[in-house]
């Protein structure tokens, strides 16, 4: 595993205060598929230990990516997010499989004053994506980049979507995966402050999309 590291736990260790945390869980070619659950459990425990020994210094970047088939307990992910928010995280990326078919965005993340970049990619063992429970409103005054794989869940919920994005700053970008938008007809959003829109893996067959982005400068 990429996280095979040994830390000597003693006062003054630099690793307890590094501003960039990057956790990646990949199987090597020499590892058996049967060992995937055990390997993922080791990965989860590794993340827990690193965060539990964290000192009070701020976290600039918290990146966590696991392409393993093991599922992570939702409570663990919420604790990791809470730790990042407590340490004034600026850039938070989580790409992982969870053990439930839904995920409720933690309240502390919805009002994180330090956050400038957020990317959430959540799947389950039974489906490519899980249902994400959105708050009725978010207050992220410094957000500049938002990456959502669950954007399709706002289909048909224009009031919720507009309220969800209404507290965002005047300049920000939205990176979304649009694979779920095939053959769908809906009116979706009015985002008056959006300046940068990135869509990936689009297949706009038979799609009727009505949107309002009056400040949009860049469309990728």
N, C-alpha and C. Protein backbone atom coordinates (compact mmCIF):
# COMPACT_ATOMS: atom_id res chain seq x y z
N UNK A 1 0.84 -1.20 0.00
CA UNK A 1 0.00 0.00 0.00
C UNK A 1 0.87 1.25 0.00
N UNK A 2 0.34 2.33 -0.53
CA UNK A 2 1.11 3.56 -0.58
C UNK A 2 1.31 4.18 0.79
N UNK A 3 0.50 3.76 1.78
CA UNK A 3 0.60 4.39 3.09
C UNK A 3 1.50 3.60 4.05
N UNK A 4 2.33 2.71 3.52
CA UNK A 4 3.23 1.94 4.38
C UNK A 4 4.35 2.83 4.90
N UNK A 5 4.07 3.50 5.96
CA UNK A 5 5.02 4.38 6.60
C UNK A 5 5.06 4.05 8.09
N UNK A 6 6.19 4.29 8.70
CA UNK A 6 6.32 4.07 10.14
C UNK A 6 6.70 5.39 10.77
N UNK A 7 5.89 5.87 11.70
CA UNK A 7 6.15 7.13 12.38
C UNK A 7 6.61 6.85 13.81
N UNK A 8 7.61 7.57 14.22
CA UNK A 8 8.05 7.50 15.61
C UNK A 8 7.29 8.58 16.37
N UNK A 9 6.40 8.16 17.25
CA UNK A 9 5.54 9.11 17.94
C UNK A 9 6.27 9.71 19.13
N UNK A 10 6.70 10.92 18.97
CA UNK A 10 7.37 11.61 20.06
C UNK A 10 7.15 13.10 19.90
N UNK A 11 7.36 13.84 20.97
CA UNK A 11 7.11 15.27 20.96
C UNK A 11 7.97 15.95 19.89
N UNK A 12 7.35 16.89 19.19
CA UNK A 12 8.09 17.68 18.22
C UNK A 12 8.17 17.08 16.84
N UNK A 13 7.49 15.94 16.59
CA UNK A 13 7.52 15.35 15.25
C UNK A 13 6.89 16.30 14.24
N UNK A 14 7.59 16.52 13.14
CA UNK A 14 7.13 17.48 12.13
C UNK A 14 5.84 16.99 11.48
N UNK A 15 5.68 15.68 11.31
CA UNK A 15 4.53 15.16 10.57
C UNK A 15 3.21 15.48 11.24
N UNK A 16 3.21 15.81 12.52
CA UNK A 16 1.96 16.11 13.21
C UNK A 16 1.44 17.50 12.88
N UNK A 17 2.23 18.28 12.15
CA UNK A 17 1.81 19.66 11.85
C UNK A 17 1.95 20.02 10.38
N UNK A 18 2.22 19.03 9.50
CA UNK A 18 2.36 19.36 8.08
C UNK A 18 1.04 19.93 7.56
N UNK A 19 1.09 20.95 6.71
CA UNK A 19 -0.14 21.61 6.25
C UNK A 19 -0.89 20.86 5.16
N UNK A 20 -0.21 19.90 4.50
CA UNK A 20 -0.85 19.16 3.41
C UNK A 20 -0.91 17.68 3.78
N UNK A 21 -2.12 17.13 3.83
CA UNK A 21 -2.34 15.71 4.11
C UNK A 21 -2.93 15.07 2.87
N UNK A 22 -2.25 14.07 2.34
CA UNK A 22 -2.72 13.38 1.14
C UNK A 22 -2.74 11.87 1.40
N UNK A 23 -3.92 11.30 1.50
CA UNK A 23 -4.09 9.88 1.76
C UNK A 23 -4.62 9.20 0.49
N UNK A 24 -3.88 8.20 0.00
CA UNK A 24 -4.32 7.48 -1.19
C UNK A 24 -4.21 5.98 -0.93
N UNK A 25 -5.27 5.26 -1.25
CA UNK A 25 -5.38 3.83 -0.97
C UNK A 25 -5.46 3.07 -2.28
N UNK A 26 -4.34 2.54 -2.72
CA UNK A 26 -4.30 1.78 -3.96
C UNK A 26 -3.67 0.41 -3.71
N UNK A 27 -4.20 -0.60 -4.38
CA UNK A 27 -3.61 -1.92 -4.30
C UNK A 27 -2.45 -2.03 -5.29
N UNK A 28 -1.36 -2.62 -4.84
CA UNK A 28 -0.25 -2.89 -5.73
C UNK A 28 -0.51 -4.17 -6.51
N UNK A 29 0.19 -4.35 -7.61
CA UNK A 29 0.00 -5.52 -8.46
C UNK A 29 0.29 -6.82 -7.72
N UNK A 30 1.17 -6.78 -6.73
CA UNK A 30 1.55 -8.00 -6.03
C UNK A 30 0.61 -8.34 -4.87
N UNK A 31 -0.44 -7.56 -4.70
CA UNK A 31 -1.38 -7.82 -3.61
C UNK A 31 -2.60 -8.58 -4.11
N UNK A 32 -3.02 -9.57 -3.35
CA UNK A 32 -4.15 -10.40 -3.74
C UNK A 32 -5.47 -9.65 -3.53
N UNK A 33 -6.44 -9.99 -4.40
CA UNK A 33 -7.76 -9.36 -4.27
C UNK A 33 -8.39 -9.70 -2.93
N UNK A 34 -8.13 -10.91 -2.43
CA UNK A 34 -8.70 -11.32 -1.15
C UNK A 34 -8.21 -10.47 0.01
N UNK A 35 -7.11 -9.78 -0.19
CA UNK A 35 -6.55 -8.95 0.87
C UNK A 35 -7.09 -7.53 0.85
N UNK A 36 -8.04 -7.24 -0.05
CA UNK A 36 -8.50 -5.87 -0.23
C UNK A 36 -9.18 -5.32 1.01
N UNK A 37 -10.04 -6.13 1.64
CA UNK A 37 -10.73 -5.65 2.84
C UNK A 37 -9.75 -5.37 3.96
N UNK A 38 -8.80 -6.26 4.14
CA UNK A 38 -7.79 -6.06 5.18
C UNK A 38 -6.93 -4.84 4.87
N UNK A 39 -6.58 -4.69 3.61
CA UNK A 39 -5.76 -3.54 3.22
C UNK A 39 -6.52 -2.24 3.44
N UNK A 40 -7.82 -2.25 3.12
CA UNK A 40 -8.60 -1.04 3.32
C UNK A 40 -8.75 -0.72 4.81
N UNK A 41 -8.93 -1.75 5.63
CA UNK A 41 -9.02 -1.53 7.07
C UNK A 41 -7.73 -0.90 7.60
N UNK A 42 -6.60 -1.35 7.09
CA UNK A 42 -5.33 -0.77 7.49
C UNK A 42 -5.23 0.69 7.07
N UNK A 43 -5.74 0.96 5.87
CA UNK A 43 -5.75 2.34 5.38
C UNK A 43 -6.59 3.24 6.29
N UNK A 44 -7.79 2.78 6.63
CA UNK A 44 -8.68 3.55 7.50
C UNK A 44 -8.03 3.80 8.85
N UNK A 45 -7.41 2.77 9.42
CA UNK A 45 -6.75 2.92 10.71
C UNK A 45 -5.57 3.89 10.62
N UNK A 46 -4.89 3.86 9.49
CA UNK A 46 -3.77 4.78 9.28
C UNK A 46 -4.26 6.22 9.30
N UNK A 47 -5.36 6.50 8.57
CA UNK A 47 -5.93 7.85 8.55
C UNK A 47 -6.35 8.27 9.95
N UNK A 48 -7.01 7.36 10.67
CA UNK A 48 -7.43 7.66 12.04
C UNK A 48 -6.24 8.05 12.91
N UNK A 49 -5.16 7.30 12.82
CA UNK A 49 -3.99 7.56 13.66
C UNK A 49 -3.33 8.89 13.33
N UNK A 50 -3.18 9.16 12.04
CA UNK A 50 -2.56 10.43 11.65
C UNK A 50 -3.36 11.61 12.18
N UNK A 51 -4.70 11.55 12.05
CA UNK A 51 -5.53 12.67 12.49
C UNK A 51 -5.63 12.75 14.01
N UNK A 52 -5.59 11.60 14.68
CA UNK A 52 -5.69 11.62 16.14
C UNK A 52 -4.46 12.22 16.80
N UNK A 53 -3.30 12.10 16.15
CA UNK A 53 -2.07 12.66 16.70
C UNK A 53 -1.77 14.06 16.16
N UNK A 54 -2.71 14.61 15.40
CA UNK A 54 -2.53 15.94 14.84
C UNK A 54 -2.44 16.98 15.95
N UNK A 55 -1.53 17.95 15.78
CA UNK A 55 -1.47 19.03 16.76
C UNK A 55 -2.48 20.11 16.38
N UNK A 56 -2.35 21.30 16.93
CA UNK A 56 -3.35 22.35 16.72
C UNK A 56 -3.12 23.20 15.48
N UNK A 57 -2.11 22.89 14.70
CA UNK A 57 -1.81 23.71 13.52
C UNK A 57 -2.87 23.52 12.43
N UNK A 58 -3.02 24.53 11.58
CA UNK A 58 -4.02 24.50 10.52
C UNK A 58 -3.68 23.47 9.44
N UNK A 59 -4.72 22.99 8.79
CA UNK A 59 -4.56 22.11 7.62
C UNK A 59 -4.92 22.90 6.37
N UNK A 60 -3.97 23.02 5.46
CA UNK A 60 -4.27 23.71 4.21
C UNK A 60 -5.02 22.80 3.24
N UNK A 61 -4.49 21.59 3.05
CA UNK A 61 -5.08 20.65 2.10
C UNK A 61 -5.29 19.29 2.74
N UNK A 62 -6.50 18.78 2.64
CA UNK A 62 -6.82 17.43 3.12
C UNK A 62 -7.40 16.67 1.94
N UNK A 63 -6.59 15.73 1.40
CA UNK A 63 -6.98 14.97 0.21
C UNK A 63 -7.04 13.49 0.58
N UNK A 64 -8.17 12.85 0.31
CA UNK A 64 -8.34 11.43 0.62
C UNK A 64 -8.99 10.73 -0.56
N UNK A 65 -8.29 9.72 -1.10
CA UNK A 65 -8.79 9.01 -2.28
C UNK A 65 -8.56 7.52 -2.08
N UNK A 66 -9.61 6.74 -2.19
CA UNK A 66 -9.51 5.29 -2.06
C UNK A 66 -10.26 4.62 -3.20
N UNK A 67 -9.52 3.89 -4.06
CA UNK A 67 -10.20 3.15 -5.13
C UNK A 67 -10.32 1.68 -4.77
N UNK A 68 -10.09 1.38 -3.49
CA UNK A 68 -10.24 0.02 -3.00
C UNK A 68 -11.73 -0.32 -2.92
N UNK A 69 -12.07 -1.60 -2.90
CA UNK A 69 -13.47 -2.00 -2.82
C UNK A 69 -14.01 -2.05 -1.40
N UNK A 70 -13.16 -1.82 -0.43
CA UNK A 70 -13.63 -1.79 0.94
C UNK A 70 -14.44 -0.54 1.23
N UNK A 71 -15.49 -0.69 2.03
CA UNK A 71 -16.34 0.45 2.37
C UNK A 71 -15.89 1.05 3.69
N UNK A 72 -16.01 2.37 3.78
CA UNK A 72 -15.63 3.10 4.98
C UNK A 72 -16.88 3.50 5.75
N UNK A 73 -16.83 3.37 7.06
CA UNK A 73 -17.96 3.73 7.91
C UNK A 73 -18.21 5.24 7.82
N UNK A 74 -19.46 5.60 7.66
CA UNK A 74 -19.83 7.01 7.51
C UNK A 74 -19.37 7.82 8.71
N UNK A 75 -19.48 7.26 9.91
CA UNK A 75 -19.06 7.98 11.11
C UNK A 75 -17.59 8.37 11.03
N UNK A 76 -16.76 7.49 10.47
CA UNK A 76 -15.34 7.80 10.33
C UNK A 76 -15.13 8.99 9.40
N UNK A 77 -15.85 8.99 8.28
CA UNK A 77 -15.71 10.09 7.32
C UNK A 77 -16.15 11.40 7.96
N UNK A 78 -17.25 11.36 8.69
CA UNK A 78 -17.73 12.58 9.36
C UNK A 78 -16.71 13.09 10.38
N UNK A 79 -16.06 12.17 11.09
CA UNK A 79 -15.04 12.57 12.06
C UNK A 79 -13.84 13.19 11.35
N UNK A 80 -13.46 12.62 10.20
CA UNK A 80 -12.34 13.17 9.45
C UNK A 80 -12.67 14.58 8.95
N UNK A 81 -13.89 14.75 8.47
CA UNK A 81 -14.31 16.07 8.02
C UNK A 81 -14.31 17.06 9.18
N UNK A 82 -14.84 16.64 10.32
CA UNK A 82 -14.89 17.52 11.50
C UNK A 82 -13.48 17.93 11.93
N UNK A 83 -12.54 16.98 11.88
CA UNK A 83 -11.15 17.29 12.23
C UNK A 83 -10.57 18.32 11.29
N UNK A 84 -10.83 18.14 9.99
CA UNK A 84 -10.33 19.09 9.00
C UNK A 84 -10.91 20.48 9.23
N UNK A 85 -12.23 20.54 9.49
CA UNK A 85 -12.88 21.83 9.71
C UNK A 85 -12.32 22.49 10.97
N UNK A 86 -12.12 21.71 12.02
CA UNK A 86 -11.57 22.25 13.27
C UNK A 86 -10.20 22.86 13.05
N UNK A 87 -9.46 22.31 12.10
CA UNK A 87 -8.11 22.81 11.81
C UNK A 87 -8.11 23.78 10.63
N UNK A 88 -9.25 24.42 10.39
CA UNK A 88 -9.36 25.51 9.40
C UNK A 88 -8.89 25.07 8.01
N UNK A 89 -9.37 23.90 7.59
CA UNK A 89 -8.98 23.39 6.28
C UNK A 89 -9.40 24.35 5.17
N UNK A 90 -8.55 24.45 4.15
CA UNK A 90 -8.85 25.31 3.01
C UNK A 90 -9.30 24.50 1.79
N UNK A 91 -8.64 23.38 1.56
CA UNK A 91 -8.99 22.54 0.42
C UNK A 91 -9.28 21.12 0.91
N UNK A 92 -10.50 20.66 0.66
CA UNK A 92 -10.93 19.34 1.15
C UNK A 92 -11.44 18.50 -0.01
N UNK A 93 -10.82 17.34 -0.21
CA UNK A 93 -11.24 16.40 -1.26
C UNK A 93 -11.42 15.03 -0.64
N UNK A 94 -12.59 14.42 -0.86
CA UNK A 94 -12.86 13.08 -0.37
C UNK A 94 -13.46 12.27 -1.51
N UNK A 95 -12.76 11.19 -1.90
CA UNK A 95 -13.24 10.27 -2.93
C UNK A 95 -13.16 8.87 -2.34
N UNK A 96 -14.31 8.32 -1.99
CA UNK A 96 -14.27 7.08 -1.22
C UNK A 96 -15.60 6.33 -1.33
N UNK A 97 -15.57 5.05 -1.02
CA UNK A 97 -16.77 4.22 -0.98
C UNK A 97 -17.23 4.12 0.48
N UNK A 98 -18.53 4.24 0.71
CA UNK A 98 -19.05 4.22 2.08
C UNK A 98 -19.92 3.00 2.31
N UNK A 99 -20.24 2.75 3.56
CA UNK A 99 -20.98 1.55 3.93
C UNK A 99 -22.48 1.78 4.01
N UNK A 100 -22.96 2.94 3.60
CA UNK A 100 -24.39 3.23 3.58
C UNK A 100 -24.78 3.67 2.17
N UNK A 101 -26.08 3.67 1.88
CA UNK A 101 -26.52 4.10 0.56
C UNK A 101 -26.88 5.58 0.53
N UNK A 102 -26.59 6.30 1.62
CA UNK A 102 -26.82 7.74 1.63
C UNK A 102 -25.77 8.40 2.53
N UNK A 103 -25.57 9.67 2.32
CA UNK A 103 -24.60 10.43 3.12
C UNK A 103 -25.15 11.83 3.36
N UNK A 104 -25.24 12.21 4.64
CA UNK A 104 -25.70 13.55 4.99
C UNK A 104 -24.49 14.43 5.24
N UNK A 105 -24.40 15.52 4.50
CA UNK A 105 -23.26 16.42 4.65
C UNK A 105 -23.23 16.97 6.07
N UNK A 106 -22.12 16.79 6.80
CA UNK A 106 -22.05 17.26 8.19
C UNK A 106 -22.30 18.76 8.30
N UNK A 107 -23.00 19.15 9.35
CA UNK A 107 -23.35 20.56 9.54
C UNK A 107 -22.12 21.45 9.63
N UNK A 108 -21.05 20.94 10.24
CA UNK A 108 -19.85 21.77 10.39
C UNK A 108 -19.24 22.13 9.05
N UNK A 109 -19.38 21.23 8.06
CA UNK A 109 -18.83 21.50 6.74
C UNK A 109 -19.65 22.56 6.00
N UNK A 110 -20.94 22.61 6.30
CA UNK A 110 -21.84 23.54 5.60
C UNK A 110 -21.56 25.00 5.96
N UNK A 111 -20.87 25.23 7.08
CA UNK A 111 -20.61 26.60 7.53
C UNK A 111 -19.12 26.83 7.77
N UNK A 112 -18.28 26.11 7.05
CA UNK A 112 -16.83 26.22 7.23
C UNK A 112 -16.34 27.54 6.64
N UNK A 113 -15.83 28.42 7.48
CA UNK A 113 -15.42 29.76 7.05
C UNK A 113 -14.10 29.78 6.30
N UNK A 114 -13.29 28.72 6.47
CA UNK A 114 -11.96 28.72 5.87
C UNK A 114 -11.91 28.03 4.51
N UNK A 115 -12.95 27.28 4.17
CA UNK A 115 -12.92 26.40 3.01
C UNK A 115 -12.94 27.19 1.69
N UNK A 116 -11.96 26.89 0.83
CA UNK A 116 -11.90 27.52 -0.50
C UNK A 116 -12.17 26.52 -1.62
N UNK A 117 -11.97 25.23 -1.35
CA UNK A 117 -12.19 24.20 -2.38
C UNK A 117 -12.80 22.97 -1.72
N UNK A 118 -13.85 22.44 -2.33
CA UNK A 118 -14.53 21.25 -1.81
C UNK A 118 -14.84 20.32 -2.96
N UNK A 119 -14.45 19.05 -2.81
CA UNK A 119 -14.79 18.03 -3.80
C UNK A 119 -15.23 16.77 -3.07
N UNK A 120 -16.43 16.31 -3.39
CA UNK A 120 -16.99 15.10 -2.78
C UNK A 120 -17.35 14.10 -3.87
N UNK A 121 -16.76 12.92 -3.81
CA UNK A 121 -17.09 11.83 -4.72
C UNK A 121 -17.34 10.61 -3.85
N UNK A 122 -18.61 10.25 -3.66
CA UNK A 122 -18.99 9.20 -2.73
C UNK A 122 -19.75 8.10 -3.46
N UNK A 123 -19.29 6.87 -3.29
CA UNK A 123 -19.97 5.72 -3.86
C UNK A 123 -20.30 4.72 -2.78
N UNK A 124 -20.97 3.64 -3.17
CA UNK A 124 -21.28 2.56 -2.23
C UNK A 124 -20.85 1.24 -2.86
N UNK A 125 -20.92 0.17 -2.08
CA UNK A 125 -20.60 -1.15 -2.61
C UNK A 125 -21.66 -1.65 -3.57
N UNK A 126 -22.85 -1.04 -3.53
CA UNK A 126 -23.97 -1.51 -4.33
C UNK A 126 -24.28 -0.60 -5.51
N UNK A 127 -23.72 0.61 -5.52
CA UNK A 127 -24.01 1.55 -6.60
C UNK A 127 -22.82 2.46 -6.81
N UNK A 128 -22.75 3.02 -8.03
CA UNK A 128 -21.65 3.92 -8.34
C UNK A 128 -21.67 5.16 -7.46
N UNK A 129 -22.86 5.62 -7.12
CA UNK A 129 -22.99 6.82 -6.33
C UNK A 129 -24.02 6.60 -5.23
N UNK A 130 -23.85 7.31 -4.13
CA UNK A 130 -24.82 7.23 -3.05
C UNK A 130 -25.68 8.49 -3.06
N UNK A 131 -26.79 8.40 -2.37
CA UNK A 131 -27.65 9.56 -2.23
C UNK A 131 -27.04 10.50 -1.20
N UNK A 132 -26.92 11.75 -1.56
CA UNK A 132 -26.36 12.75 -0.66
C UNK A 132 -27.48 13.65 -0.16
N UNK A 133 -27.61 13.74 1.16
CA UNK A 133 -28.63 14.61 1.76
C UNK A 133 -28.05 16.00 1.88
N UNK A 134 -28.65 16.93 1.16
CA UNK A 134 -28.16 18.30 1.12
C UNK A 134 -28.80 19.15 2.20
N UNK A 135 -28.07 20.10 2.72
CA UNK A 135 -28.69 21.05 3.65
C UNK A 135 -29.58 22.01 2.88
N UNK A 136 -30.48 22.66 3.58
CA UNK A 136 -31.35 23.62 2.91
C UNK A 136 -30.61 24.87 2.50
N UNK A 137 -29.45 25.11 3.12
CA UNK A 137 -28.64 26.27 2.77
C UNK A 137 -27.21 26.02 3.23
N UNK A 138 -26.28 26.66 2.55
CA UNK A 138 -24.88 26.57 2.94
C UNK A 138 -24.29 27.96 3.02
N UNK A 139 -23.34 28.15 3.91
CA UNK A 139 -22.64 29.42 4.03
C UNK A 139 -21.14 29.15 3.97
N UNK A 140 -20.60 29.25 2.76
CA UNK A 140 -19.18 29.04 2.52
C UNK A 140 -18.61 30.31 1.90
N UNK A 141 -18.30 31.31 2.71
CA UNK A 141 -17.96 32.64 2.19
C UNK A 141 -16.68 32.70 1.38
N UNK A 142 -15.79 31.71 1.54
CA UNK A 142 -14.51 31.77 0.83
C UNK A 142 -14.40 30.75 -0.30
N UNK A 143 -15.46 29.98 -0.54
CA UNK A 143 -15.39 28.91 -1.52
C UNK A 143 -15.12 29.47 -2.92
N UNK A 144 -14.19 28.83 -3.61
CA UNK A 144 -13.85 29.22 -4.97
C UNK A 144 -14.08 28.09 -5.96
N UNK A 145 -14.05 26.85 -5.46
CA UNK A 145 -14.20 25.70 -6.35
C UNK A 145 -15.02 24.63 -5.65
N UNK A 146 -16.05 24.14 -6.35
CA UNK A 146 -16.94 23.13 -5.79
C UNK A 146 -17.07 21.99 -6.79
N UNK A 147 -16.69 20.77 -6.38
CA UNK A 147 -16.80 19.61 -7.25
C UNK A 147 -17.82 18.64 -6.68
N UNK A 148 -18.88 18.38 -7.45
CA UNK A 148 -19.97 17.54 -6.95
C UNK A 148 -20.25 16.41 -7.92
N UNK A 149 -20.19 15.16 -7.44
CA UNK A 149 -20.63 14.04 -8.25
C UNK A 149 -22.13 13.81 -8.09
N UNK A 150 -22.73 14.43 -7.06
CA UNK A 150 -24.14 14.19 -6.79
C UNK A 150 -25.01 15.33 -7.31
N UNK A 151 -24.49 16.07 -8.28
CA UNK A 151 -25.22 17.21 -8.81
C UNK A 151 -26.58 16.79 -9.38
N UNK A 152 -26.63 15.59 -9.96
CA UNK A 152 -27.88 15.13 -10.59
C UNK A 152 -29.02 15.03 -9.59
N UNK A 153 -28.70 14.94 -8.30
CA UNK A 153 -29.75 14.78 -7.31
C UNK A 153 -30.56 16.06 -7.11
N UNK A 154 -30.09 17.14 -7.71
CA UNK A 154 -30.84 18.39 -7.63
C UNK A 154 -31.89 18.50 -8.73
N UNK A 155 -31.94 17.47 -9.61
CA UNK A 155 -32.91 17.49 -10.69
C UNK A 155 -34.33 17.57 -10.12
N UNK A 156 -35.10 18.51 -10.63
CA UNK A 156 -36.47 18.68 -10.18
C UNK A 156 -36.61 19.36 -8.83
N UNK A 157 -35.50 19.86 -8.29
CA UNK A 157 -35.53 20.51 -6.98
C UNK A 157 -34.93 21.91 -7.10
N UNK A 158 -35.52 22.69 -8.00
CA UNK A 158 -34.95 23.99 -8.31
C UNK A 158 -34.87 24.91 -7.09
N UNK A 159 -35.91 24.91 -6.25
CA UNK A 159 -35.93 25.78 -5.08
C UNK A 159 -34.81 25.41 -4.11
N UNK A 160 -34.65 24.10 -3.87
CA UNK A 160 -33.58 23.66 -2.99
C UNK A 160 -32.22 23.98 -3.57
N UNK A 161 -32.06 23.76 -4.87
CA UNK A 161 -30.77 24.01 -5.52
C UNK A 161 -30.39 25.48 -5.43
N UNK A 162 -31.33 26.35 -5.74
CA UNK A 162 -31.03 27.78 -5.71
C UNK A 162 -30.75 28.26 -4.28
N UNK A 163 -31.47 27.70 -3.31
CA UNK A 163 -31.21 28.07 -1.92
C UNK A 163 -29.85 27.54 -1.47
N UNK A 164 -29.51 26.34 -1.95
CA UNK A 164 -28.25 25.71 -1.62
C UNK A 164 -27.06 26.57 -2.07
N UNK A 165 -27.15 27.13 -3.25
CA UNK A 165 -26.05 27.90 -3.82
C UNK A 165 -26.13 29.40 -3.53
N UNK A 166 -27.20 29.85 -2.90
CA UNK A 166 -27.42 31.29 -2.75
C UNK A 166 -26.39 31.97 -1.85
N UNK A 167 -25.79 31.23 -0.89
CA UNK A 167 -24.84 31.84 0.02
C UNK A 167 -23.41 31.83 -0.47
N UNK A 168 -23.19 31.42 -1.71
CA UNK A 168 -21.84 31.33 -2.23
C UNK A 168 -21.33 32.71 -2.66
N UNK A 169 -20.01 32.88 -2.70
CA UNK A 169 -19.43 34.19 -3.01
C UNK A 169 -19.63 34.60 -4.47
N UNK A 170 -19.13 35.76 -4.80
CA UNK A 170 -19.38 36.32 -6.13
C UNK A 170 -18.58 35.65 -7.22
N UNK A 171 -17.47 35.01 -6.89
CA UNK A 171 -16.65 34.35 -7.90
C UNK A 171 -16.33 32.92 -7.44
N UNK A 172 -16.82 31.95 -8.15
CA UNK A 172 -16.53 30.57 -7.81
C UNK A 172 -16.76 29.69 -9.03
N UNK A 173 -16.26 28.45 -8.95
CA UNK A 173 -16.39 27.53 -10.07
C UNK A 173 -17.10 26.27 -9.62
N UNK A 174 -17.77 25.62 -10.55
CA UNK A 174 -18.50 24.39 -10.28
C UNK A 174 -17.98 23.31 -11.22
N UNK A 175 -17.47 22.23 -10.64
CA UNK A 175 -16.99 21.08 -11.41
C UNK A 175 -17.94 19.94 -11.13
N UNK A 176 -18.62 19.47 -12.14
CA UNK A 176 -19.63 18.45 -11.90
C UNK A 176 -19.48 17.30 -12.89
N UNK A 177 -19.86 16.12 -12.45
CA UNK A 177 -19.91 14.93 -13.29
C UNK A 177 -21.33 14.80 -13.80
N UNK A 178 -21.50 14.84 -15.12
CA UNK A 178 -22.85 14.94 -15.69
C UNK A 178 -23.34 13.63 -16.29
N UNK A 179 -22.74 12.50 -15.92
CA UNK A 179 -23.11 11.25 -16.56
C UNK A 179 -24.54 10.84 -16.28
N UNK A 180 -25.13 11.37 -15.21
CA UNK A 180 -26.50 10.99 -14.86
C UNK A 180 -27.54 11.89 -15.55
N UNK A 181 -27.08 12.79 -16.41
CA UNK A 181 -28.02 13.76 -16.98
C UNK A 181 -28.52 13.36 -18.36
N UNK A 182 -28.26 12.13 -18.80
CA UNK A 182 -28.73 11.69 -20.10
C UNK A 182 -30.25 11.55 -20.13
N UNK A 183 -30.83 11.98 -21.25
CA UNK A 183 -32.26 11.78 -21.50
C UNK A 183 -33.11 12.30 -20.35
N UNK A 184 -32.80 13.51 -19.90
CA UNK A 184 -33.56 14.13 -18.81
C UNK A 184 -34.01 15.51 -19.26
N UNK A 185 -35.23 15.86 -18.94
CA UNK A 185 -35.76 17.18 -19.25
C UNK A 185 -36.10 17.88 -17.94
N UNK A 186 -35.48 19.01 -17.69
CA UNK A 186 -35.78 19.72 -16.46
C UNK A 186 -35.25 21.15 -16.53
N UNK A 187 -35.84 22.01 -15.72
CA UNK A 187 -35.30 23.33 -15.47
C UNK A 187 -34.48 23.22 -14.20
N UNK A 188 -33.27 23.75 -14.21
CA UNK A 188 -32.42 23.43 -13.08
C UNK A 188 -32.04 24.62 -12.22
N UNK A 189 -31.23 25.53 -12.69
CA UNK A 189 -30.61 26.47 -11.78
C UNK A 189 -30.52 27.88 -12.33
N UNK A 190 -30.50 28.80 -11.40
CA UNK A 190 -30.10 30.17 -11.69
C UNK A 190 -28.96 30.49 -10.73
N UNK A 191 -27.75 30.57 -11.27
CA UNK A 191 -26.56 30.82 -10.46
C UNK A 191 -25.96 32.16 -10.87
N UNK A 192 -26.41 33.24 -10.25
CA UNK A 192 -25.99 34.57 -10.69
C UNK A 192 -24.52 34.87 -10.44
N UNK A 193 -23.85 34.14 -9.55
CA UNK A 193 -22.47 34.44 -9.22
C UNK A 193 -21.45 33.49 -9.85
N UNK A 194 -21.93 32.47 -10.54
CA UNK A 194 -21.01 31.47 -11.10
C UNK A 194 -20.22 32.05 -12.26
N UNK A 195 -18.88 31.92 -12.22
CA UNK A 195 -18.03 32.44 -13.28
C UNK A 195 -17.32 31.34 -14.07
N UNK A 196 -17.23 30.12 -13.50
CA UNK A 196 -16.46 29.06 -14.15
C UNK A 196 -17.22 27.75 -13.99
N UNK A 197 -17.56 27.10 -15.10
CA UNK A 197 -18.28 25.83 -15.07
C UNK A 197 -17.49 24.77 -15.82
N UNK A 198 -17.21 23.66 -15.13
CA UNK A 198 -16.51 22.52 -15.73
C UNK A 198 -17.43 21.31 -15.64
N UNK A 199 -17.72 20.67 -16.76
CA UNK A 199 -18.52 19.44 -16.76
C UNK A 199 -17.67 18.33 -17.35
N UNK A 200 -17.81 17.12 -16.76
CA UNK A 200 -17.00 15.98 -17.20
C UNK A 200 -17.87 14.80 -17.54
N UNK A 201 -17.39 13.97 -18.47
CA UNK A 201 -18.08 12.73 -18.86
C UNK A 201 -19.52 13.00 -19.26
N UNK A 202 -19.70 14.02 -20.08
CA UNK A 202 -21.06 14.42 -20.46
C UNK A 202 -21.56 13.57 -21.62
N UNK A 203 -22.82 13.20 -21.57
CA UNK A 203 -23.47 12.56 -22.70
C UNK A 203 -24.84 13.19 -22.83
N UNK A 204 -24.91 14.34 -23.47
CA UNK A 204 -26.14 15.13 -23.46
C UNK A 204 -27.12 14.66 -24.53
N UNK A 205 -27.45 13.37 -24.52
CA UNK A 205 -28.43 12.86 -25.45
C UNK A 205 -29.83 13.20 -24.95
N UNK A 206 -30.62 13.80 -25.80
CA UNK A 206 -32.01 14.11 -25.46
C UNK A 206 -32.12 14.90 -24.16
N UNK A 207 -31.24 15.87 -24.00
CA UNK A 207 -31.24 16.66 -22.77
C UNK A 207 -31.78 18.05 -23.04
N UNK A 208 -32.78 18.46 -22.25
CA UNK A 208 -33.32 19.80 -22.33
C UNK A 208 -32.99 20.51 -21.03
N UNK A 209 -31.98 21.37 -21.06
CA UNK A 209 -31.48 21.99 -19.83
C UNK A 209 -31.63 23.51 -19.92
N UNK A 210 -32.37 24.08 -18.97
CA UNK A 210 -32.55 25.52 -18.90
C UNK A 210 -31.84 26.07 -17.68
N UNK A 211 -30.83 26.91 -17.91
CA UNK A 211 -30.02 27.44 -16.83
C UNK A 211 -29.79 28.93 -17.04
N UNK A 212 -29.42 29.60 -15.96
CA UNK A 212 -29.12 31.02 -16.03
C UNK A 212 -27.80 31.30 -15.30
N UNK A 213 -26.75 31.56 -16.07
CA UNK A 213 -25.43 31.90 -15.52
C UNK A 213 -24.98 33.24 -16.09
N UNK A 214 -25.51 34.35 -15.64
CA UNK A 214 -25.24 35.65 -16.25
C UNK A 214 -23.79 36.11 -16.16
N UNK A 215 -23.01 35.60 -15.18
CA UNK A 215 -21.62 36.04 -15.02
C UNK A 215 -20.62 35.01 -15.53
N UNK A 216 -21.09 33.99 -16.21
CA UNK A 216 -20.20 32.91 -16.64
C UNK A 216 -19.16 33.42 -17.64
N UNK A 217 -17.90 33.17 -17.32
CA UNK A 217 -16.79 33.57 -18.18
C UNK A 217 -16.13 32.38 -18.86
N UNK A 218 -16.10 31.23 -18.19
CA UNK A 218 -15.40 30.06 -18.71
C UNK A 218 -16.31 28.86 -18.65
N UNK A 219 -16.45 28.16 -19.78
CA UNK A 219 -17.21 26.92 -19.85
C UNK A 219 -16.31 25.85 -20.44
N UNK A 220 -16.05 24.81 -19.64
CA UNK A 220 -15.18 23.71 -20.08
C UNK A 220 -16.02 22.46 -20.25
